[in-house]
Amino acid sequence: MGRAKEIIVKVIPANIANEFVKKHHYSGTVSNTSTLHFGCFLDEKLHGVMSFGSPMDKSKVLPLVQPCLWNEMLELNRMAFDDYLPKYSESRCIAIAVKLIKKNAPHIKWILSFSDAVQCGDGTIYRASGFVLTGIKKSTQIIETPKGERVTRMTLTQVGNKKRERIMRELGIKETGSSSINLFLNAGCKNIVGFQNRYILLIDKSCKITVPILPFSKIDEMGAGMYKGKKITQEERKGK
């Protein structure tokens, strides 16, 4: 594990975490539902952030694990690391964060997270951290501009969003107050079809996951394998 053992993980203020996430997360955005932020430090400098909070629609995900009350789960909303940290840093940081959650918030029974196999990867870090795969679905949430920039539909449909306003200026779209995605599709943007993988880490082993646990091989079967934004199967990665 090398220098990954030297990483210090601790809670940090939201403003510091969000600044780092905006700079280093592939989406360039933060989650408004994040309430717990862990910073990952090496050589006394911040090189990674993990932000936890509520899912966008908690009512839809609570039934995934039972029994579970409204305040007994968290979603890993954002995870961003720079290139300074050594190999295996991500899985080690997740392990430490989970230990801190178990110690200081023992009511938390499970953690949910999603991997974006359109822009980033298919969840290698989660698999290495003990998460199980519980869902693979096609995603059409990513839009590509004529210049090749990829952004989420949410970004482009939020009136007043600065990135949305910049892209509108670049495409020559006049602000109409409309939040319709068609403004951008009609200006040459296109949908990028990919996959989103859902992972669950069960902290309280007395709870049960209510949906089927999928073998990791299912990712390749469905063509959802991706690493660092490039299409590649798990088998191909093993050969490198």
C-alpha atoms as a PDB file:
ATOM      1  CA  MET A   1       0.000   0.000   0.000  1.00  0.00           C
ATOM      2  CA  GLY A   2       3.042   2.254   0.276  1.00  0.00           C
ATOM      3  CA  ARG A   3       2.443   5.888   1.105  1.00  0.00           C
ATOM      4  CA  ALA A   4      -1.324   5.434   1.076  1.00  0.00           C
ATOM      5  CA  LYS A   5      -0.932   4.407   4.728  1.00  0.00           C
ATOM      6  CA  GLU A   6       0.267   7.930   5.511  1.00  0.00           C
ATOM      7  CA  ILE A   7      -2.964   9.606   4.377  1.00  0.00           C
ATOM      8  CA  ILE A   8      -4.920  11.360   7.122  1.00  0.00           C
ATOM      9  CA  VAL A   9      -8.702  11.497   6.757  1.00  0.00           C
ATOM     10  CA  LYS A  10     -10.699  13.983   8.810  1.00  0.00           C
ATOM     11  CA  VAL A  11     -13.871  16.061   8.694  1.00  0.00           C
ATOM     12  CA  ILE A  12     -13.461  19.428   6.957  1.00  0.00           C
ATOM     13  CA  PRO A  13     -15.770  22.465   6.449  1.00  0.00           C
ATOM     14  CA  ALA A  14     -18.203  22.437   3.544  1.00  0.00           C
ATOM     15  CA  ASN A  15     -16.710  25.509   1.865  1.00  0.00           C
ATOM     16  CA  ILE A  16     -13.244  23.936   1.667  1.00  0.00           C
ATOM     17  CA  ALA A  17     -14.647  20.619   0.459  1.00  0.00           C
ATOM     18  CA  ASN A  18     -16.852  22.215  -2.173  1.00  0.00           C
ATOM     19  CA  GLU A  19     -14.034  24.340  -3.563  1.00  0.00           C
ATOM     20  CA  PHE A  20     -11.910  21.210  -4.019  1.00  0.00           C
ATOM     21  CA  VAL A  21     -14.771  19.206  -5.553  1.00  0.00           C
ATOM     22  CA  LYS A  22     -15.562  21.926  -8.103  1.00  0.00           C
ATOM     23  CA  LYS A  23     -11.932  21.872  -9.207  1.00  0.00           C
ATOM     24  CA  HIS A  24     -11.269  18.120  -9.255  1.00  0.00           C
ATOM     25  CA  HIS A  25     -14.567  16.264  -9.717  1.00  0.00           C
ATOM     26  CA  TYR A  26     -15.287  15.347 -13.332  1.00  0.00           C
ATOM     27  CA  SER A  27     -18.712  17.035 -13.145  1.00  0.00           C
ATOM     28  CA  GLY A  28     -17.308  20.284 -11.795  1.00  0.00           C
ATOM     29  CA  THR A  29     -20.304  20.505  -9.483  1.00  0.00           C
ATOM     30  CA  VAL A  30     -21.126  19.865  -5.827  1.00  0.00           C
ATOM     31  CA  SER A  31     -24.159  18.130  -4.356  1.00  0.00           C
ATOM     32  CA  ASN A  32     -26.498  20.431  -2.473  1.00  0.00           C
ATOM     33  CA  THR A  33     -27.530  17.532  -0.236  1.00  0.00           C
ATOM     34  CA  SER A  34     -24.016  16.848   1.095  1.00  0.00           C
ATOM     35  CA  THR A  35     -23.703  17.526   4.823  1.00  0.00           C
ATOM     36  CA  LEU A  36     -20.626  15.526   5.874  1.00  0.00           C
ATOM     37  CA  HIS A  37     -17.280  16.177   4.210  1.00  0.00           C
ATOM     38  CA  PHE A  38     -14.039  14.246   4.719  1.00  0.00           C
ATOM     39  CA  GLY A  39     -10.708  15.650   3.591  1.00  0.00           C
ATOM     40  CA  CYS A  40      -7.811  13.374   2.641  1.00  0.00           C
ATOM     41  CA  PHE A  41      -4.412  14.844   3.517  1.00  0.00           C
ATOM     42  CA  LEU A  42      -0.918  13.778   2.560  1.00  0.00           C
ATOM     43  CA  ASP A  43       2.203  15.801   3.359  1.00  0.00           C
ATOM     44  CA  GLU A  44      -0.063  18.237   5.225  1.00  0.00           C
ATOM     45  CA  LYS A  45      -1.999  19.209   2.086  1.00  0.00           C
ATOM     46  CA  LEU A  46      -5.533  18.415   0.936  1.00  0.00           C
ATOM     47  CA  HIS A  47      -5.561  15.987  -1.989  1.00  0.00           C
ATOM     48  CA  GLY A  48      -8.995  14.371  -1.801  1.00  0.00           C
ATOM     49  CA  VAL A  49     -12.565  14.947  -0.661  1.00  0.00           C
ATOM     50  CA  MET A  50     -15.477  12.604   0.048  1.00  0.00           C
ATOM     51  CA  SER A  51     -18.869  14.259   0.581  1.00  0.00           C
ATOM     52  CA  PHE A  52     -21.765  12.346   2.143  1.00  0.00           C
ATOM     53  CA  GLY A  53     -25.391  13.323   2.525  1.00  0.00           C
ATOM     54  CA  SER A  54     -28.941  12.476   1.532  1.00  0.00           C
ATOM     55  CA  PRO A  55     -29.857  11.121  -1.912  1.00  0.00           C
ATOM     56  CA  MET A  56     -31.806  13.427  -4.219  1.00  0.00           C
ATOM     57  CA  ASP A  57     -34.947  11.359  -3.626  1.00  0.00           C
ATOM     58  CA  LYS A  58     -34.521   9.363  -0.430  1.00  0.00           C
ATOM     59  CA  SER A  59     -37.989   7.820  -0.650  1.00  0.00           C
ATOM     60  CA  LYS A  60     -36.885   5.855  -3.724  1.00  0.00           C
ATOM     61  CA  VAL A  61     -33.747   4.368  -2.185  1.00  0.00           C
ATOM     62  CA  LEU A  62     -34.794   3.663   1.414  1.00  0.00           C
ATOM     63  CA  PRO A  63     -36.552   0.409   0.404  1.00  0.00           C
ATOM     64  CA  LEU A  64     -33.247  -0.945  -0.982  1.00  0.00           C
ATOM     65  CA  VAL A  65     -32.183  -1.926   2.548  1.00  0.00           C
ATOM     66  CA  GLN A  66     -34.475  -3.004   5.375  1.00  0.00           C
ATOM     67  CA  PRO A  67     -35.061  -2.281   8.136  1.00  0.00           C
ATOM     68  CA  CYS A  68     -33.994   1.326   7.662  1.00  0.00           C
ATOM     69  CA  LEU A  69     -35.381   4.554   9.062  1.00  0.00           C
ATOM     70  CA  TRP A  70     -35.227   7.945   7.344  1.00  0.00           C
ATOM     71  CA  ASN A  71     -31.957   8.988   9.007  1.00  0.00           C
ATOM     72  CA  GLU A  72     -30.140   5.646   8.910  1.00  0.00           C
ATOM     73  CA  MET A  73     -28.374   5.832   5.561  1.00  0.00           C
ATOM     74  CA  LEU A  74     -26.029   8.111   3.634  1.00  0.00           C
ATOM     75  CA  GLU A  75     -25.106   8.560   0.012  1.00  0.00           C
ATOM     76  CA  LEU A  76     -21.529   9.174  -1.021  1.00  0.00           C
ATOM     77  CA  ASN A  77     -22.550  12.145  -3.178  1.00  0.00           C
ATOM     78  CA  ARG A  78     -19.127  13.236  -4.403  1.00  0.00           C
ATOM     79  CA  MET A  79     -15.635  11.763  -4.357  1.00  0.00           C
ATOM     80  CA  ALA A  80     -12.758  13.715  -5.859  1.00  0.00           C
ATOM     81  CA  PHE A  81      -8.991  13.149  -5.695  1.00  0.00           C
ATOM     82  CA  ASP A  82      -6.096  14.855  -7.402  1.00  0.00           C
ATOM     83  CA  ASP A  83      -3.163  13.054  -9.029  1.00  0.00           C
ATOM     84  CA  TYR A  84      -0.817  13.520  -6.072  1.00  0.00           C
ATOM     85  CA  LEU A  85      -2.137  10.616  -4.036  1.00  0.00           C
ATOM     86  CA  PRO A  86      -0.529   7.186  -4.575  1.00  0.00           C
ATOM     87  CA  LYS A  87      -2.168   3.961  -5.739  1.00  0.00           C
ATOM     88  CA  TYR A  88      -4.885   2.461  -3.511  1.00  0.00           C
ATOM     89  CA  SER A  89      -5.538   5.845  -1.871  1.00  0.00           C
ATOM     90  CA  GLU A  90      -9.227   5.958  -2.751  1.00  0.00           C
ATOM     91  CA  SER A  91     -10.163   2.607  -1.230  1.00  0.00           C
ATOM     92  CA  ARG A  92      -8.114   3.340   1.889  1.00  0.00           C
ATOM     93  CA  CYS A  93      -9.785   6.733   2.322  1.00  0.00           C
ATOM     94  CA  ILE A  94     -13.234   5.190   1.972  1.00  0.00           C
ATOM     95  CA  ALA A  95     -12.354   2.559   4.578  1.00  0.00           C
ATOM     96  CA  ILE A  96     -11.224   5.219   7.060  1.00  0.00           C
ATOM     97  CA  ALA A  97     -14.301   7.375   6.415  1.00  0.00           C
ATOM     98  CA  VAL A  98     -16.587   4.391   7.027  1.00  0.00           C
ATOM     99  CA  LYS A  99     -14.801   3.641  10.313  1.00  0.00           C
ATOM    100  CA  LEU A 100     -15.281   7.257  11.411  1.00  0.00           C
ATOM    101  CA  ILE A 101     -18.967   7.117  10.489  1.00  0.00           C
ATOM    102  CA  LYS A 102     -19.426   3.859  12.421  1.00  0.00           C
ATOM    103  CA  LYS A 103     -17.733   5.373  15.478  1.00  0.00           C
ATOM    104  CA  ASN A 104     -19.374   8.790  15.491  1.00  0.00           C
ATOM    105  CA  ALA A 105     -22.713   8.028  13.815  1.00  0.00           C
ATOM    106  CA  PRO A 106     -23.507   4.442  14.835  1.00  0.00           C
ATOM    107  CA  HIS A 107     -27.112   4.808  13.673  1.00  0.00           C
ATOM    108  CA  ILE A 108     -25.990   4.776  10.013  1.00  0.00           C
ATOM    109  CA  LYS A 109     -26.722   1.304   8.640  1.00  0.00           C
ATOM    110  CA  TRP A 110     -25.625   1.538   5.017  1.00  0.00           C
ATOM    111  CA  ILE A 111     -24.064   3.708   2.344  1.00  0.00           C
ATOM    112  CA  LEU A 112     -25.223   4.195  -1.223  1.00  0.00           C
ATOM    113  CA  SER A 113     -23.193   5.410  -4.166  1.00  0.00           C
ATOM    114  CA  PHE A 114     -23.381   5.538  -7.945  1.00  0.00           C
ATOM    115  CA  SER A 115     -20.631   5.290 -10.528  1.00  0.00           C
ATOM    116  CA  ASP A 116     -20.999   7.263 -13.732  1.00  0.00           C
ATOM    117  CA  ALA A 117     -19.826   4.965 -16.503  1.00  0.00           C
ATOM    118  CA  VAL A 118     -20.409   7.739 -19.027  1.00  0.00           C
ATOM    119  CA  GLN A 119     -17.836  10.244 -17.820  1.00  0.00           C
ATOM    120  CA  CYS A 120     -15.702   8.524 -15.216  1.00  0.00           C
ATOM    121  CA  GLY A 121     -15.694   4.800 -14.446  1.00  0.00           C
ATOM    122  CA  ASP A 122     -17.773   1.738 -13.648  1.00  0.00           C
ATOM    123  CA  GLY A 123     -16.999   1.578  -9.911  1.00  0.00           C
ATOM    124  CA  THR A 124     -13.595  -0.065  -9.514  1.00  0.00           C
ATOM    125  CA  ILE A 125     -13.002   1.848  -6.279  1.00  0.00           C
ATOM    126  CA  TYR A 126     -16.328   0.759  -4.805  1.00  0.00           C
ATOM    127  CA  ARG A 127     -15.702  -2.889  -5.640  1.00  0.00           C
ATOM    128  CA  ALA A 128     -12.302  -2.662  -3.972  1.00  0.00           C
ATOM    129  CA  SER A 129     -13.933  -1.084  -0.911  1.00  0.00           C
ATOM    130  CA  GLY A 130     -16.437  -3.845  -0.220  1.00  0.00           C
ATOM    131  CA  PHE A 131     -19.508  -2.378  -1.919  1.00  0.00           C
ATOM    132  CA  VAL A 132     -21.848  -4.744  -3.759  1.00  0.00           C
ATOM    133  CA  LEU A 133     -23.369  -4.026  -7.164  1.00  0.00           C
ATOM    134  CA  THR A 134     -27.161  -3.741  -7.086  1.00  0.00           C
ATOM    135  CA  GLY A 135     -28.056  -2.015 -10.322  1.00  0.00           C
ATOM    136  CA  ILE A 136     -26.920  -1.196 -13.852  1.00  0.00           C
ATOM    137  CA  LYS A 137     -29.065   1.099 -15.932  1.00  0.00           C
ATOM    138  CA  LYS A 138     -28.701   3.069 -19.105  1.00  0.00           C
ATOM    139  CA  SER A 139     -28.158   6.755 -18.528  1.00  0.00           C
ATOM    140  CA  THR A 140     -29.022   9.689 -20.777  1.00  0.00           C
ATOM    141  CA  GLN A 141     -28.122  12.360 -18.243  1.00  0.00           C
ATOM    142  CA  ILE A 142     -24.990  13.555 -20.049  1.00  0.00           C
ATOM    143  CA  ILE A 143     -25.109  16.088 -22.861  1.00  0.00           C
ATOM    144  CA  GLU A 144     -22.176  16.836 -25.175  1.00  0.00           C
ATOM    145  CA  THR A 145     -21.753  20.271 -26.715  1.00  0.00           C
ATOM    146  CA  PRO A 146     -20.500  20.780 -30.304  1.00  0.00           C
ATOM    147  CA  LYS A 147     -17.069  21.546 -28.774  1.00  0.00           C
ATOM    148  CA  GLY A 148     -16.999  18.173 -27.038  1.00  0.00           C
ATOM    149  CA  GLU A 149     -17.666  19.451 -23.517  1.00  0.00           C
ATOM    150  CA  ARG A 150     -19.827  17.099 -21.459  1.00  0.00           C
ATOM    151  CA  VAL A 151     -22.263  18.369 -18.851  1.00  0.00           C
ATOM    152  CA  THR A 152     -25.276  16.966 -17.043  1.00  0.00           C
ATOM    153  CA  ARG A 153     -28.837  17.616 -18.095  1.00  0.00           C
ATOM    154  CA  MET A 154     -29.412  19.104 -14.655  1.00  0.00           C
ATOM    155  CA  THR A 155     -26.731  21.711 -15.278  1.00  0.00           C
ATOM    156  CA  LEU A 156     -28.331  22.761 -18.557  1.00  0.00           C
ATOM    157  CA  THR A 157     -31.880  22.909 -17.185  1.00  0.00           C
ATOM    158  CA  GLN A 158     -31.122  24.997 -14.094  1.00  0.00           C
ATOM    159  CA  VAL A 159     -31.944  28.585 -15.020  1.00  0.00           C
ATOM    160  CA  GLY A 160     -29.293  30.863 -13.515  1.00  0.00           C
ATOM    161  CA  ASN A 161     -26.576  28.193 -13.456  1.00  0.00           C
ATOM    162  CA  LYS A 162     -23.297  29.903 -14.450  1.00  0.00           C
ATOM    163  CA  LYS A 163     -22.029  26.987 -16.541  1.00  0.00           C
ATOM    164  CA  ARG A 164     -25.388  26.886 -18.338  1.00  0.00           C
ATOM    165  CA  GLU A 165     -25.179  30.604 -19.054  1.00  0.00           C
ATOM    166  CA  ARG A 166     -21.635  30.264 -20.426  1.00  0.00           C
ATOM    167  CA  ILE A 167     -22.599  27.428 -22.751  1.00  0.00           C
ATOM    168  CA  MET A 168     -25.629  29.379 -23.938  1.00  0.00           C
ATOM    169  CA  ARG A 169     -23.377  32.297 -24.867  1.00  0.00           C
ATOM    170  CA  GLU A 170     -20.998  29.969 -26.712  1.00  0.00           C
ATOM    171  CA  LEU A 171     -23.885  28.461 -28.674  1.00  0.00           C
ATOM    172  CA  GLY A 172     -25.560  31.791 -29.332  1.00  0.00           C
ATOM    173  CA  ILE A 173     -28.707  30.826 -27.431  1.00  0.00           C
ATOM    174  CA  LYS A 174     -30.724  33.736 -26.111  1.00  0.00           C
ATOM    175  CA  GLU A 175     -32.050  33.453 -22.557  1.00  0.00           C
ATOM    176  CA  THR A 176     -35.775  32.863 -22.689  1.00  0.00           C
ATOM    177  CA  GLY A 177     -36.334  31.763 -19.120  1.00  0.00           C
ATOM    178  CA  SER A 178     -37.106  28.278 -20.374  1.00  0.00           C
ATOM    179  CA  SER A 179     -35.484  25.286 -18.670  1.00  0.00           C
ATOM    180  CA  SER A 180     -36.087  22.961 -21.619  1.00  0.00           C
ATOM    181  CA  ILE A 181     -33.161  20.812 -22.717  1.00  0.00           C
ATOM    182  CA  ASN A 182     -34.372  21.271 -26.302  1.00  0.00           C
ATOM    183  CA  LEU A 183     -32.758  24.731 -26.306  1.00  0.00           C
ATOM    184  CA  PHE A 184     -29.406  22.957 -26.348  1.00  0.00           C
ATOM    185  CA  LEU A 185     -30.299  19.930 -28.465  1.00  0.00           C
ATOM    186  CA  ASN A 186     -31.596  22.257 -31.181  1.00  0.00           C
ATOM    187  CA  ALA A 187     -28.302  24.188 -31.023  1.00  0.00           C
ATOM    188  CA  GLY A 188     -26.203  21.126 -31.844  1.00  0.00           C
ATOM    189  CA  CYS A 189     -25.752  19.420 -28.477  1.00  0.00           C
ATOM    190  CA  LYS A 190     -26.370  15.679 -28.316  1.00  0.00           C
ATOM    191  CA  ASN A 191     -27.297  13.021 -25.783  1.00  0.00           C
ATOM    192  CA  ILE A 192     -24.533  10.677 -24.653  1.00  0.00           C
ATOM    193  CA  VAL A 193     -25.926   7.251 -23.818  1.00  0.00           C
ATOM    194  CA  GLY A 194     -24.049   5.290 -21.187  1.00  0.00           C
ATOM    195  CA  PHE A 195     -24.586   3.497 -17.921  1.00  0.00           C
ATOM    196  CA  GLN A 196     -24.960   4.285 -14.242  1.00  0.00           C
ATOM    197  CA  ASN A 197     -24.038   1.580 -11.725  1.00  0.00           C
ATOM    198  CA  ARG A 198     -25.518   1.468  -8.230  1.00  0.00           C
ATOM    199  CA  TYR A 199     -23.466   0.230  -5.273  1.00  0.00           C
ATOM    200  CA  ILE A 200     -24.351  -0.469  -1.633  1.00  0.00           C
ATOM    201  CA  LEU A 201     -22.083  -0.899   1.371  1.00  0.00           C
ATOM    202  CA  LEU A 202     -23.905  -2.608   4.238  1.00  0.00           C
ATOM    203  CA  ILE A 203     -22.550  -1.415   7.602  1.00  0.00           C
ATOM    204  CA  ASP A 204     -25.159  -3.049   9.835  1.00  0.00           C
ATOM    205  CA  LYS A 205     -25.035  -6.726   8.876  1.00  0.00           C
ATOM    206  CA  SER A 206     -28.381  -7.386  10.567  1.00  0.00           C
ATOM    207  CA  CYS A 207     -30.030  -5.427   7.739  1.00  0.00           C
ATOM    208  CA  LYS A 208     -30.872  -7.007   4.409  1.00  0.00           C
ATOM    209  CA  ILE A 209     -30.465  -5.733   0.872  1.00  0.00           C
ATOM    210  CA  THR A 210     -33.880  -6.178  -0.714  1.00  0.00           C
ATOM    211  CA  VAL A 211     -32.808  -6.156  -4.361  1.00  0.00           C
ATOM    212  CA  PRO A 212     -30.690  -8.733  -6.204  1.00  0.00           C
ATOM    213  CA  ILE A 213     -26.913  -8.442  -5.776  1.00  0.00           C
ATOM    214  CA  LEU A 214     -25.374  -8.594  -9.232  1.00  0.00           C
ATOM    215  CA  PRO A 215     -22.074 -10.302 -10.074  1.00  0.00           C
ATOM    216  CA  PHE A 216     -19.442  -7.807 -11.186  1.00  0.00           C
ATOM    217  CA  SER A 217     -19.208  -9.731 -14.476  1.00  0.00           C
ATOM    218  CA  LYS A 218     -22.619  -8.277 -15.331  1.00  0.00           C
ATOM    219  CA  ILE A 219     -20.908  -4.946 -16.036  1.00  0.00           C
ATOM    220  CA  ASP A 220     -19.048  -6.410 -19.015  1.00  0.00           C
ATOM    221  CA  GLU A 221     -22.097  -8.394 -20.137  1.00  0.00           C
ATOM    222  CA  MET A 222     -24.076  -5.176 -20.488  1.00  0.00           C
ATOM    223  CA  GLY A 223     -21.230  -3.230 -22.097  1.00  0.00           C
ATOM    224  CA  ALA A 224     -21.002  -0.887 -19.104  1.00  0.00           C
ATOM    225  CA  GLY A 225     -17.267  -1.261 -18.508  1.00  0.00           C
ATOM    226  CA  MET A 226     -15.391   2.021 -18.414  1.00  0.00           C
ATOM    227  CA  TYR A 227     -12.242   3.396 -16.811  1.00  0.00           C
ATOM    228  CA  LYS A 228     -11.214   7.045 -16.631  1.00  0.00           C
ATOM    229  CA  GLY A 229     -13.815   7.959 -19.211  1.00  0.00           C
ATOM    230  CA  LYS A 230     -12.783   5.349 -21.791  1.00  0.00           C
ATOM    231  CA  LYS A 231     -14.733   2.256 -22.782  1.00  0.00           C
ATOM    232  CA  ILE A 232     -12.866  -0.816 -21.586  1.00  0.00           C
ATOM    233  CA  THR A 233     -13.961  -4.099 -20.038  1.00  0.00           C
ATOM    234  CA  GLN A 234     -12.756  -5.450 -16.710  1.00  0.00           C
ATOM    235  CA  GLU A 235     -11.114  -8.358 -18.531  1.00  0.00           C
ATOM    236  CA  GLU A 236      -9.172  -5.983 -20.770  1.00  0.00           C
ATOM    237  CA  ARG A 237      -7.983  -4.084 -17.690  1.00  0.00           C
ATOM    238  CA  LYS A 238      -6.664  -7.263 -16.118  1.00  0.00           C
ATOM    239  CA  GLY A 239      -4.482  -7.834 -19.148  1.00  0.00           C
ATOM    240  CA  LYS A 240      -2.754  -4.463 -18.899  1.00  0.00           C
END
